[in-house]
């Protein structure tokens, strides 16, 4: 699993660079032909990891209910993110992966509610969810690589 966590951190480093290389205005811009923006994708990634691994394991999540409502699957930006929101998401990028690795290594993931993903892959346990999460994050990083050309 060490490689799985390192792959996750590699993707998160890519996400972190968006906060360094784009203004908040650029992060919030929804280009023509797209339904979301760079910031939504980053926040969605953070929220989804918490839902797929922790929530489905019956454990507390590290993001607020408000954040879940704004960035879960099926949502789209309803307004511009503030600098405060951007700072919060940026701070969660690595904290959530580090905590996930600690929790996984400490065996806290005992129960899991099976979940069929929109890709057709069925998550059966936290290990599978952690591994699937890397695919999910990679898909969104790819979308972001397209969006960035238009902001």
N, C-alpha and C. Protein backbone atom coordinates (compact mmCIF):
# COMPACT_ATOMS: atom_id res chain seq x y z
N UNK A 1 0.82 -1.22 0.00
CA UNK A 1 0.00 0.00 0.00
C UNK A 1 0.85 1.26 0.00
N UNK A 2 2.13 1.14 0.36
CA UNK A 2 2.98 2.33 0.39
C UNK A 2 2.98 3.03 -0.96
N UNK A 3 3.08 2.27 -2.04
CA UNK A 3 3.07 2.88 -3.38
C UNK A 3 1.74 3.59 -3.65
N UNK A 4 0.65 3.03 -3.17
CA UNK A 4 -0.67 3.64 -3.36
C UNK A 4 -0.71 5.02 -2.72
N UNK A 5 -0.17 5.13 -1.51
CA UNK A 5 -0.15 6.43 -0.83
C UNK A 5 0.80 7.40 -1.52
N UNK A 6 1.91 6.89 -2.05
CA UNK A 6 2.85 7.77 -2.75
C UNK A 6 2.26 8.26 -4.07
N UNK A 7 1.52 7.40 -4.76
CA UNK A 7 0.82 7.83 -5.98
C UNK A 7 -0.17 8.94 -5.62
N UNK A 8 -0.88 8.77 -4.51
CA UNK A 8 -1.84 9.78 -4.06
C UNK A 8 -1.13 11.10 -3.78
N UNK A 9 -0.01 11.04 -3.09
CA UNK A 9 0.75 12.27 -2.79
C UNK A 9 1.27 12.94 -4.07
N UNK A 10 1.66 12.14 -5.05
CA UNK A 10 2.14 12.69 -6.32
C UNK A 10 1.04 13.49 -7.00
N UNK A 11 -0.17 12.93 -7.02
CA UNK A 11 -1.31 13.66 -7.59
C UNK A 11 -1.61 14.92 -6.80
N UNK A 12 -1.52 14.83 -5.48
CA UNK A 12 -1.80 15.99 -4.64
C UNK A 12 -0.76 17.10 -4.85
N UNK A 13 0.50 16.72 -5.14
CA UNK A 13 1.51 17.73 -5.47
C UNK A 13 1.12 18.46 -6.74
N UNK A 14 0.60 17.72 -7.70
CA UNK A 14 0.13 18.36 -8.94
C UNK A 14 -1.00 19.33 -8.63
N UNK A 15 -1.92 18.93 -7.76
CA UNK A 15 -3.03 19.80 -7.40
C UNK A 15 -2.54 21.04 -6.66
N UNK A 16 -1.60 20.85 -5.77
CA UNK A 16 -1.06 21.97 -4.99
C UNK A 16 -0.46 23.04 -5.91
N UNK A 17 0.15 22.61 -7.00
CA UNK A 17 0.78 23.57 -7.92
C UNK A 17 -0.24 24.54 -8.54
N UNK A 18 -1.49 24.13 -8.62
CA UNK A 18 -2.51 25.03 -9.17
C UNK A 18 -2.69 26.25 -8.27
N UNK A 19 -2.56 26.06 -6.95
CA UNK A 19 -2.67 27.19 -6.03
C UNK A 19 -1.50 28.15 -6.19
N UNK A 20 -0.36 27.64 -6.64
CA UNK A 20 0.83 28.47 -6.81
C UNK A 20 0.83 29.18 -8.17
N UNK A 21 0.27 28.53 -9.18
CA UNK A 21 0.41 29.02 -10.55
C UNK A 21 -0.81 29.73 -11.13
N UNK A 22 -1.91 29.74 -10.40
CA UNK A 22 -3.13 30.36 -10.89
C UNK A 22 -3.71 31.28 -9.82
N UNK A 23 -4.29 32.37 -10.26
CA UNK A 23 -4.94 33.29 -9.34
C UNK A 23 -6.27 32.69 -8.89
N UNK A 24 -6.83 33.23 -7.83
CA UNK A 24 -8.14 32.77 -7.38
C UNK A 24 -9.18 32.98 -8.49
N UNK A 25 -9.07 34.08 -9.20
CA UNK A 25 -9.99 34.34 -10.32
C UNK A 25 -9.87 33.24 -11.38
N UNK A 26 -8.66 32.83 -11.70
CA UNK A 26 -8.46 31.76 -12.67
C UNK A 26 -8.97 30.42 -12.14
N UNK A 27 -8.75 30.16 -10.86
CA UNK A 27 -9.23 28.91 -10.26
C UNK A 27 -10.75 28.83 -10.30
N UNK A 28 -11.42 29.98 -10.24
CA UNK A 28 -12.89 30.04 -10.23
C UNK A 28 -13.51 30.10 -11.62
N UNK A 29 -12.73 30.34 -12.64
CA UNK A 29 -13.28 30.52 -13.99
C UNK A 29 -13.77 29.19 -14.57
N UNK A 30 -14.99 29.20 -15.08
CA UNK A 30 -15.55 28.03 -15.77
C UNK A 30 -15.48 28.32 -17.26
N UNK A 31 -14.56 27.68 -17.98
CA UNK A 31 -14.44 27.95 -19.41
C UNK A 31 -15.67 27.44 -20.18
N UNK A 32 -15.90 28.05 -21.30
CA UNK A 32 -17.00 27.62 -22.17
C UNK A 32 -16.81 26.15 -22.52
N UNK A 33 -17.90 25.39 -22.43
CA UNK A 33 -17.85 23.97 -22.74
C UNK A 33 -17.59 23.08 -21.53
N UNK A 34 -17.30 23.70 -20.38
CA UNK A 34 -17.04 22.95 -19.15
C UNK A 34 -18.14 23.26 -18.15
N UNK A 35 -18.37 22.33 -17.22
CA UNK A 35 -19.42 22.54 -16.21
C UNK A 35 -18.85 22.89 -14.84
N UNK A 36 -17.52 22.91 -14.74
CA UNK A 36 -16.92 23.26 -13.46
C UNK A 36 -15.57 23.96 -13.69
N UNK A 37 -14.89 24.24 -12.61
CA UNK A 37 -13.64 24.99 -12.71
C UNK A 37 -12.51 24.23 -11.99
N UNK A 38 -11.33 24.82 -12.02
CA UNK A 38 -10.17 24.19 -11.39
C UNK A 38 -10.40 23.98 -9.89
N UNK A 39 -10.91 25.03 -9.23
CA UNK A 39 -11.11 24.93 -7.79
C UNK A 39 -12.12 23.84 -7.43
N UNK A 40 -13.23 23.78 -8.15
CA UNK A 40 -14.24 22.76 -7.85
C UNK A 40 -13.62 21.37 -7.94
N UNK A 41 -12.82 21.13 -8.96
CA UNK A 41 -12.20 19.81 -9.12
C UNK A 41 -11.30 19.47 -7.94
N UNK A 42 -10.52 20.42 -7.46
CA UNK A 42 -9.62 20.16 -6.33
C UNK A 42 -10.44 19.88 -5.07
N UNK A 43 -11.44 20.72 -4.81
CA UNK A 43 -12.28 20.52 -3.62
C UNK A 43 -13.05 19.21 -3.72
N UNK A 44 -13.54 18.89 -4.90
CA UNK A 44 -14.26 17.63 -5.13
C UNK A 44 -13.36 16.43 -4.82
N UNK A 45 -12.11 16.50 -5.21
CA UNK A 45 -11.15 15.42 -4.94
C UNK A 45 -10.98 15.21 -3.44
N UNK A 46 -10.82 16.31 -2.70
CA UNK A 46 -10.64 16.21 -1.24
C UNK A 46 -11.88 15.61 -0.59
N UNK A 47 -13.05 16.12 -0.98
CA UNK A 47 -14.31 15.64 -0.40
C UNK A 47 -14.55 14.18 -0.75
N UNK A 48 -14.33 13.81 -1.99
CA UNK A 48 -14.63 12.45 -2.43
C UNK A 48 -13.76 11.42 -1.71
N UNK A 49 -12.49 11.73 -1.51
CA UNK A 49 -11.63 10.79 -0.77
C UNK A 49 -12.21 10.53 0.62
N UNK A 50 -12.69 11.58 1.27
CA UNK A 50 -13.25 11.43 2.61
C UNK A 50 -14.52 10.58 2.59
N UNK A 51 -15.36 10.80 1.58
CA UNK A 51 -16.61 10.05 1.49
C UNK A 51 -16.36 8.58 1.14
N UNK A 52 -15.51 8.33 0.14
CA UNK A 52 -15.27 6.97 -0.31
C UNK A 52 -14.60 6.10 0.74
N UNK A 53 -13.68 6.69 1.50
CA UNK A 53 -12.92 5.88 2.44
C UNK A 53 -13.50 5.95 3.86
N UNK A 54 -13.69 7.15 4.36
CA UNK A 54 -14.12 7.27 5.76
C UNK A 54 -15.63 7.10 5.94
N UNK A 55 -16.41 7.86 5.19
CA UNK A 55 -17.87 7.81 5.36
C UNK A 55 -18.41 6.40 5.13
N UNK A 56 -17.95 5.76 4.06
CA UNK A 56 -18.42 4.41 3.76
C UNK A 56 -17.88 3.37 4.74
N UNK A 57 -16.90 3.77 5.55
CA UNK A 57 -16.39 2.90 6.62
C UNK A 57 -17.10 3.22 7.94
N UNK A 58 -18.01 4.17 7.91
CA UNK A 58 -18.74 4.53 9.12
C UNK A 58 -17.92 5.37 10.09
N UNK A 59 -16.90 6.06 9.58
CA UNK A 59 -16.02 6.86 10.41
C UNK A 59 -16.22 8.35 10.15
N UNK A 60 -15.85 9.21 11.10
CA UNK A 60 -15.97 10.66 10.90
C UNK A 60 -15.09 11.13 9.75
N UNK A 61 -15.55 12.16 9.05
CA UNK A 61 -14.79 12.73 7.95
C UNK A 61 -14.14 14.05 8.37
N UNK A 62 -13.11 14.44 7.65
CA UNK A 62 -12.31 15.62 8.00
C UNK A 62 -12.79 16.89 7.30
N UNK A 63 -13.93 16.83 6.64
CA UNK A 63 -14.49 18.01 5.97
C UNK A 63 -15.89 18.26 6.51
N UNK A 64 -16.33 19.50 6.39
CA UNK A 64 -17.64 19.88 6.92
C UNK A 64 -18.78 19.36 6.03
N UNK A 65 -19.95 19.28 6.61
CA UNK A 65 -21.14 18.91 5.84
C UNK A 65 -21.38 19.92 4.72
N UNK A 66 -21.12 21.19 5.00
CA UNK A 66 -21.28 22.24 3.98
C UNK A 66 -20.36 21.97 2.80
N UNK A 67 -19.12 21.59 3.08
CA UNK A 67 -18.18 21.30 2.02
C UNK A 67 -18.65 20.09 1.20
N UNK A 68 -19.16 19.08 1.87
CA UNK A 68 -19.69 17.90 1.17
C UNK A 68 -20.82 18.31 0.24
N UNK A 69 -21.74 19.14 0.73
CA UNK A 69 -22.88 19.57 -0.08
C UNK A 69 -22.44 20.36 -1.31
N UNK A 70 -21.36 21.12 -1.20
CA UNK A 70 -20.88 21.95 -2.31
C UNK A 70 -20.06 21.19 -3.34
N UNK A 71 -19.36 20.12 -2.91
CA UNK A 71 -18.36 19.52 -3.80
C UNK A 71 -18.52 18.02 -4.03
N UNK A 72 -19.58 17.42 -3.51
CA UNK A 72 -19.77 15.99 -3.74
C UNK A 72 -20.15 15.73 -5.19
N UNK A 73 -20.17 14.47 -5.55
CA UNK A 73 -20.57 14.02 -6.88
C UNK A 73 -21.93 14.62 -7.23
N UNK A 74 -22.05 15.10 -8.45
CA UNK A 74 -23.32 15.63 -8.93
C UNK A 74 -23.50 17.12 -8.70
N UNK A 75 -22.53 17.77 -8.07
CA UNK A 75 -22.63 19.22 -7.85
C UNK A 75 -21.85 19.97 -8.91
N UNK A 76 -22.03 21.27 -8.93
CA UNK A 76 -21.24 22.15 -9.79
C UNK A 76 -21.09 23.47 -9.05
N UNK A 77 -20.14 24.28 -9.45
CA UNK A 77 -19.94 25.55 -8.74
C UNK A 77 -21.20 26.41 -8.77
N UNK A 78 -21.58 26.90 -7.59
CA UNK A 78 -22.74 27.77 -7.47
C UNK A 78 -22.32 29.22 -7.19
N UNK A 79 -21.06 29.46 -7.20
CA UNK A 79 -20.49 30.78 -6.95
C UNK A 79 -18.99 30.63 -6.83
N UNK A 80 -18.32 31.75 -6.73
CA UNK A 80 -16.87 31.72 -6.63
C UNK A 80 -16.41 31.31 -5.24
N UNK A 81 -15.36 30.52 -5.19
CA UNK A 81 -14.73 30.16 -3.92
C UNK A 81 -13.98 31.38 -3.40
N UNK A 82 -13.96 31.54 -2.11
CA UNK A 82 -13.23 32.63 -1.48
C UNK A 82 -11.78 32.22 -1.24
N UNK A 83 -10.95 33.20 -0.90
CA UNK A 83 -9.56 32.89 -0.56
C UNK A 83 -9.51 31.99 0.66
N UNK A 84 -10.41 32.23 1.60
CA UNK A 84 -10.47 31.40 2.81
C UNK A 84 -10.76 29.93 2.45
N UNK A 85 -11.70 29.70 1.53
CA UNK A 85 -12.00 28.34 1.10
C UNK A 85 -10.81 27.72 0.38
N UNK A 86 -10.16 28.51 -0.45
CA UNK A 86 -8.98 28.02 -1.18
C UNK A 86 -7.87 27.64 -0.20
N UNK A 87 -7.65 28.46 0.82
CA UNK A 87 -6.63 28.16 1.82
C UNK A 87 -6.96 26.88 2.58
N UNK A 88 -8.23 26.69 2.91
CA UNK A 88 -8.66 25.50 3.63
C UNK A 88 -8.42 24.24 2.79
N UNK A 89 -8.85 24.27 1.54
CA UNK A 89 -8.68 23.10 0.67
C UNK A 89 -7.20 22.82 0.46
N UNK A 90 -6.41 23.86 0.26
CA UNK A 90 -4.97 23.68 0.08
C UNK A 90 -4.38 23.00 1.31
N UNK A 91 -4.81 23.41 2.49
CA UNK A 91 -4.28 22.83 3.73
C UNK A 91 -4.70 21.36 3.89
N UNK A 92 -5.82 20.99 3.32
CA UNK A 92 -6.32 19.62 3.44
C UNK A 92 -5.69 18.65 2.43
N UNK A 93 -5.07 19.17 1.39
CA UNK A 93 -4.53 18.30 0.34
C UNK A 93 -3.64 17.21 0.90
N UNK A 94 -2.67 17.57 1.72
CA UNK A 94 -1.72 16.59 2.24
C UNK A 94 -2.11 16.06 3.60
N UNK A 95 -2.78 16.89 4.41
CA UNK A 95 -3.23 16.42 5.73
C UNK A 95 -4.12 15.19 5.59
N UNK A 96 -5.01 15.22 4.63
CA UNK A 96 -5.96 14.10 4.48
C UNK A 96 -5.26 12.82 4.01
N UNK A 97 -4.25 12.95 3.16
CA UNK A 97 -3.52 11.76 2.71
C UNK A 97 -2.66 11.22 3.86
N UNK A 98 -1.99 12.12 4.57
CA UNK A 98 -1.15 11.67 5.70
C UNK A 98 -1.99 10.97 6.76
N UNK A 99 -3.15 11.55 7.08
CA UNK A 99 -4.02 10.94 8.08
C UNK A 99 -4.56 9.60 7.59
N UNK A 100 -4.89 9.53 6.32
CA UNK A 100 -5.39 8.28 5.74
C UNK A 100 -4.35 7.17 5.89
N UNK A 101 -3.10 7.49 5.61
CA UNK A 101 -2.05 6.47 5.72
C UNK A 101 -1.89 6.01 7.17
N UNK A 102 -1.90 6.95 8.10
CA UNK A 102 -1.80 6.61 9.52
C UNK A 102 -2.97 5.72 9.93
N UNK A 103 -4.17 6.14 9.55
CA UNK A 103 -5.37 5.37 9.93
C UNK A 103 -5.36 3.98 9.31
N UNK A 104 -4.95 3.89 8.05
CA UNK A 104 -4.90 2.59 7.39
C UNK A 104 -3.89 1.68 8.11
N UNK A 105 -2.72 2.21 8.39
CA UNK A 105 -1.68 1.42 9.05
C UNK A 105 -2.07 1.03 10.48
N UNK A 106 -2.93 1.82 11.11
CA UNK A 106 -3.40 1.52 12.46
C UNK A 106 -4.65 0.63 12.47
N UNK A 107 -5.12 0.23 11.29
CA UNK A 107 -6.23 -0.71 11.20
C UNK A 107 -7.59 -0.16 11.61
N UNK A 108 -7.80 1.15 11.42
CA UNK A 108 -9.09 1.72 11.85
C UNK A 108 -10.24 1.39 10.90
N UNK A 109 -9.92 0.95 9.70
CA UNK A 109 -10.97 0.66 8.73
C UNK A 109 -11.41 -0.80 8.88
N UNK A 110 -12.42 -1.01 9.68
CA UNK A 110 -12.90 -2.35 10.00
C UNK A 110 -14.15 -2.69 9.19
N UNK A 111 -15.10 -1.78 9.17
CA UNK A 111 -16.37 -1.98 8.45
C UNK A 111 -16.34 -1.19 7.15
N UNK A 112 -17.16 -1.64 6.20
CA UNK A 112 -17.28 -0.90 4.94
C UNK A 112 -18.63 -1.19 4.30
N UNK A 113 -19.30 -0.13 3.88
CA UNK A 113 -20.58 -0.27 3.18
C UNK A 113 -20.28 -0.34 1.69
N UNK A 114 -20.53 -1.48 1.08
CA UNK A 114 -20.24 -1.67 -0.34
C UNK A 114 -20.85 -0.55 -1.17
N UNK A 115 -20.10 -0.10 -2.18
CA UNK A 115 -20.55 1.05 -2.98
C UNK A 115 -20.20 0.84 -4.45
N UNK A 116 -21.22 0.83 -5.33
CA UNK A 116 -20.94 0.74 -6.77
C UNK A 116 -20.61 2.12 -7.32
N UNK A 117 -19.43 2.30 -7.85
CA UNK A 117 -19.03 3.59 -8.40
C UNK A 117 -19.68 3.82 -9.76
N UNK A 118 -19.62 5.06 -10.22
CA UNK A 118 -20.21 5.39 -11.52
C UNK A 118 -19.42 4.77 -12.67
N UNK A 119 -18.21 4.27 -12.40
CA UNK A 119 -17.43 3.58 -13.43
C UNK A 119 -17.86 2.13 -13.60
N UNK A 120 -18.68 1.65 -12.65
CA UNK A 120 -19.09 0.26 -12.67
C UNK A 120 -18.28 -0.61 -11.72
N UNK A 121 -17.19 -0.07 -11.18
CA UNK A 121 -16.37 -0.80 -10.22
C UNK A 121 -17.05 -0.73 -8.86
N UNK A 122 -17.16 -1.86 -8.17
CA UNK A 122 -17.80 -1.91 -6.86
C UNK A 122 -16.74 -1.89 -5.77
N UNK A 123 -16.83 -0.91 -4.89
CA UNK A 123 -15.93 -0.82 -3.75
C UNK A 123 -16.45 -1.74 -2.66
N UNK A 124 -15.58 -2.63 -2.17
CA UNK A 124 -16.00 -3.62 -1.17
C UNK A 124 -15.34 -3.43 0.18
N UNK A 125 -14.23 -2.66 0.19
CA UNK A 125 -13.55 -2.41 1.45
C UNK A 125 -12.73 -1.13 1.33
N UNK A 126 -12.19 -0.68 2.44
CA UNK A 126 -11.44 0.58 2.46
C UNK A 126 -10.19 0.51 1.58
N UNK A 127 -9.52 -0.62 1.57
CA UNK A 127 -8.33 -0.77 0.73
C UNK A 127 -8.68 -0.54 -0.74
N UNK A 128 -9.75 -1.16 -1.20
CA UNK A 128 -10.19 -0.95 -2.58
C UNK A 128 -10.59 0.49 -2.83
N UNK A 129 -11.20 1.12 -1.84
CA UNK A 129 -11.61 2.52 -1.97
C UNK A 129 -10.40 3.44 -2.09
N UNK A 130 -9.37 3.16 -1.30
CA UNK A 130 -8.14 3.95 -1.36
C UNK A 130 -7.49 3.81 -2.73
N UNK A 131 -7.44 2.60 -3.22
CA UNK A 131 -6.84 2.36 -4.54
C UNK A 131 -7.69 3.00 -5.64
N UNK A 132 -9.00 2.82 -5.57
CA UNK A 132 -9.89 3.42 -6.57
C UNK A 132 -9.80 4.95 -6.54
N UNK A 133 -9.63 5.51 -5.36
CA UNK A 133 -9.54 6.96 -5.22
C UNK A 133 -8.42 7.54 -6.10
N UNK A 134 -7.32 6.82 -6.25
CA UNK A 134 -6.25 7.31 -7.12
C UNK A 134 -6.71 7.42 -8.56
N UNK A 135 -7.50 6.45 -9.02
CA UNK A 135 -8.07 6.54 -10.37
C UNK A 135 -8.97 7.77 -10.46
N UNK A 136 -9.84 7.95 -9.48
CA UNK A 136 -10.76 9.08 -9.47
C UNK A 136 -10.00 10.40 -9.53
N UNK A 137 -8.97 10.52 -8.70
CA UNK A 137 -8.20 11.76 -8.68
C UNK A 137 -7.49 11.98 -10.01
N UNK A 138 -6.97 10.91 -10.61
CA UNK A 138 -6.31 11.02 -11.91
C UNK A 138 -7.26 11.50 -13.00
N UNK A 139 -8.50 11.02 -12.96
CA UNK A 139 -9.49 11.48 -13.94
C UNK A 139 -9.72 12.98 -13.82
N UNK A 140 -9.84 13.46 -12.59
CA UNK A 140 -10.08 14.89 -12.39
C UNK A 140 -8.85 15.73 -12.70
N UNK A 141 -7.66 15.21 -12.44
CA UNK A 141 -6.45 15.93 -12.83
C UNK A 141 -6.41 16.08 -14.35
N UNK A 142 -6.82 15.05 -15.07
CA UNK A 142 -6.89 15.13 -16.53
C UNK A 142 -7.86 16.21 -16.99
N UNK A 143 -9.01 16.28 -16.36
CA UNK A 143 -9.98 17.33 -16.69
C UNK A 143 -9.37 18.70 -16.41
N UNK A 144 -8.67 18.82 -15.30
CA UNK A 144 -8.05 20.10 -14.95
C UNK A 144 -6.98 20.49 -15.95
N UNK A 145 -6.29 19.52 -16.50
CA UNK A 145 -5.26 19.83 -17.50
C UNK A 145 -5.90 20.39 -18.77
N UNK A 146 -7.14 20.03 -19.04
CA UNK A 146 -7.86 20.62 -20.16
C UNK A 146 -8.36 22.01 -19.80
N UNK A 147 -8.95 22.15 -18.62
CA UNK A 147 -9.51 23.45 -18.19
C UNK A 147 -8.41 24.52 -18.16
N UNK A 148 -7.23 24.17 -17.67
CA UNK A 148 -6.18 25.19 -17.48
C UNK A 148 -5.78 25.88 -18.77
N UNK A 149 -6.02 25.24 -19.90
CA UNK A 149 -5.68 25.85 -21.19
C UNK A 149 -6.58 27.04 -21.52
N UNK A 150 -7.71 27.14 -20.81
CA UNK A 150 -8.71 28.16 -21.15
C UNK A 150 -8.89 29.22 -20.08
N UNK A 151 -8.08 29.19 -19.03
CA UNK A 151 -8.23 30.18 -17.97
C UNK A 151 -7.09 31.19 -18.01
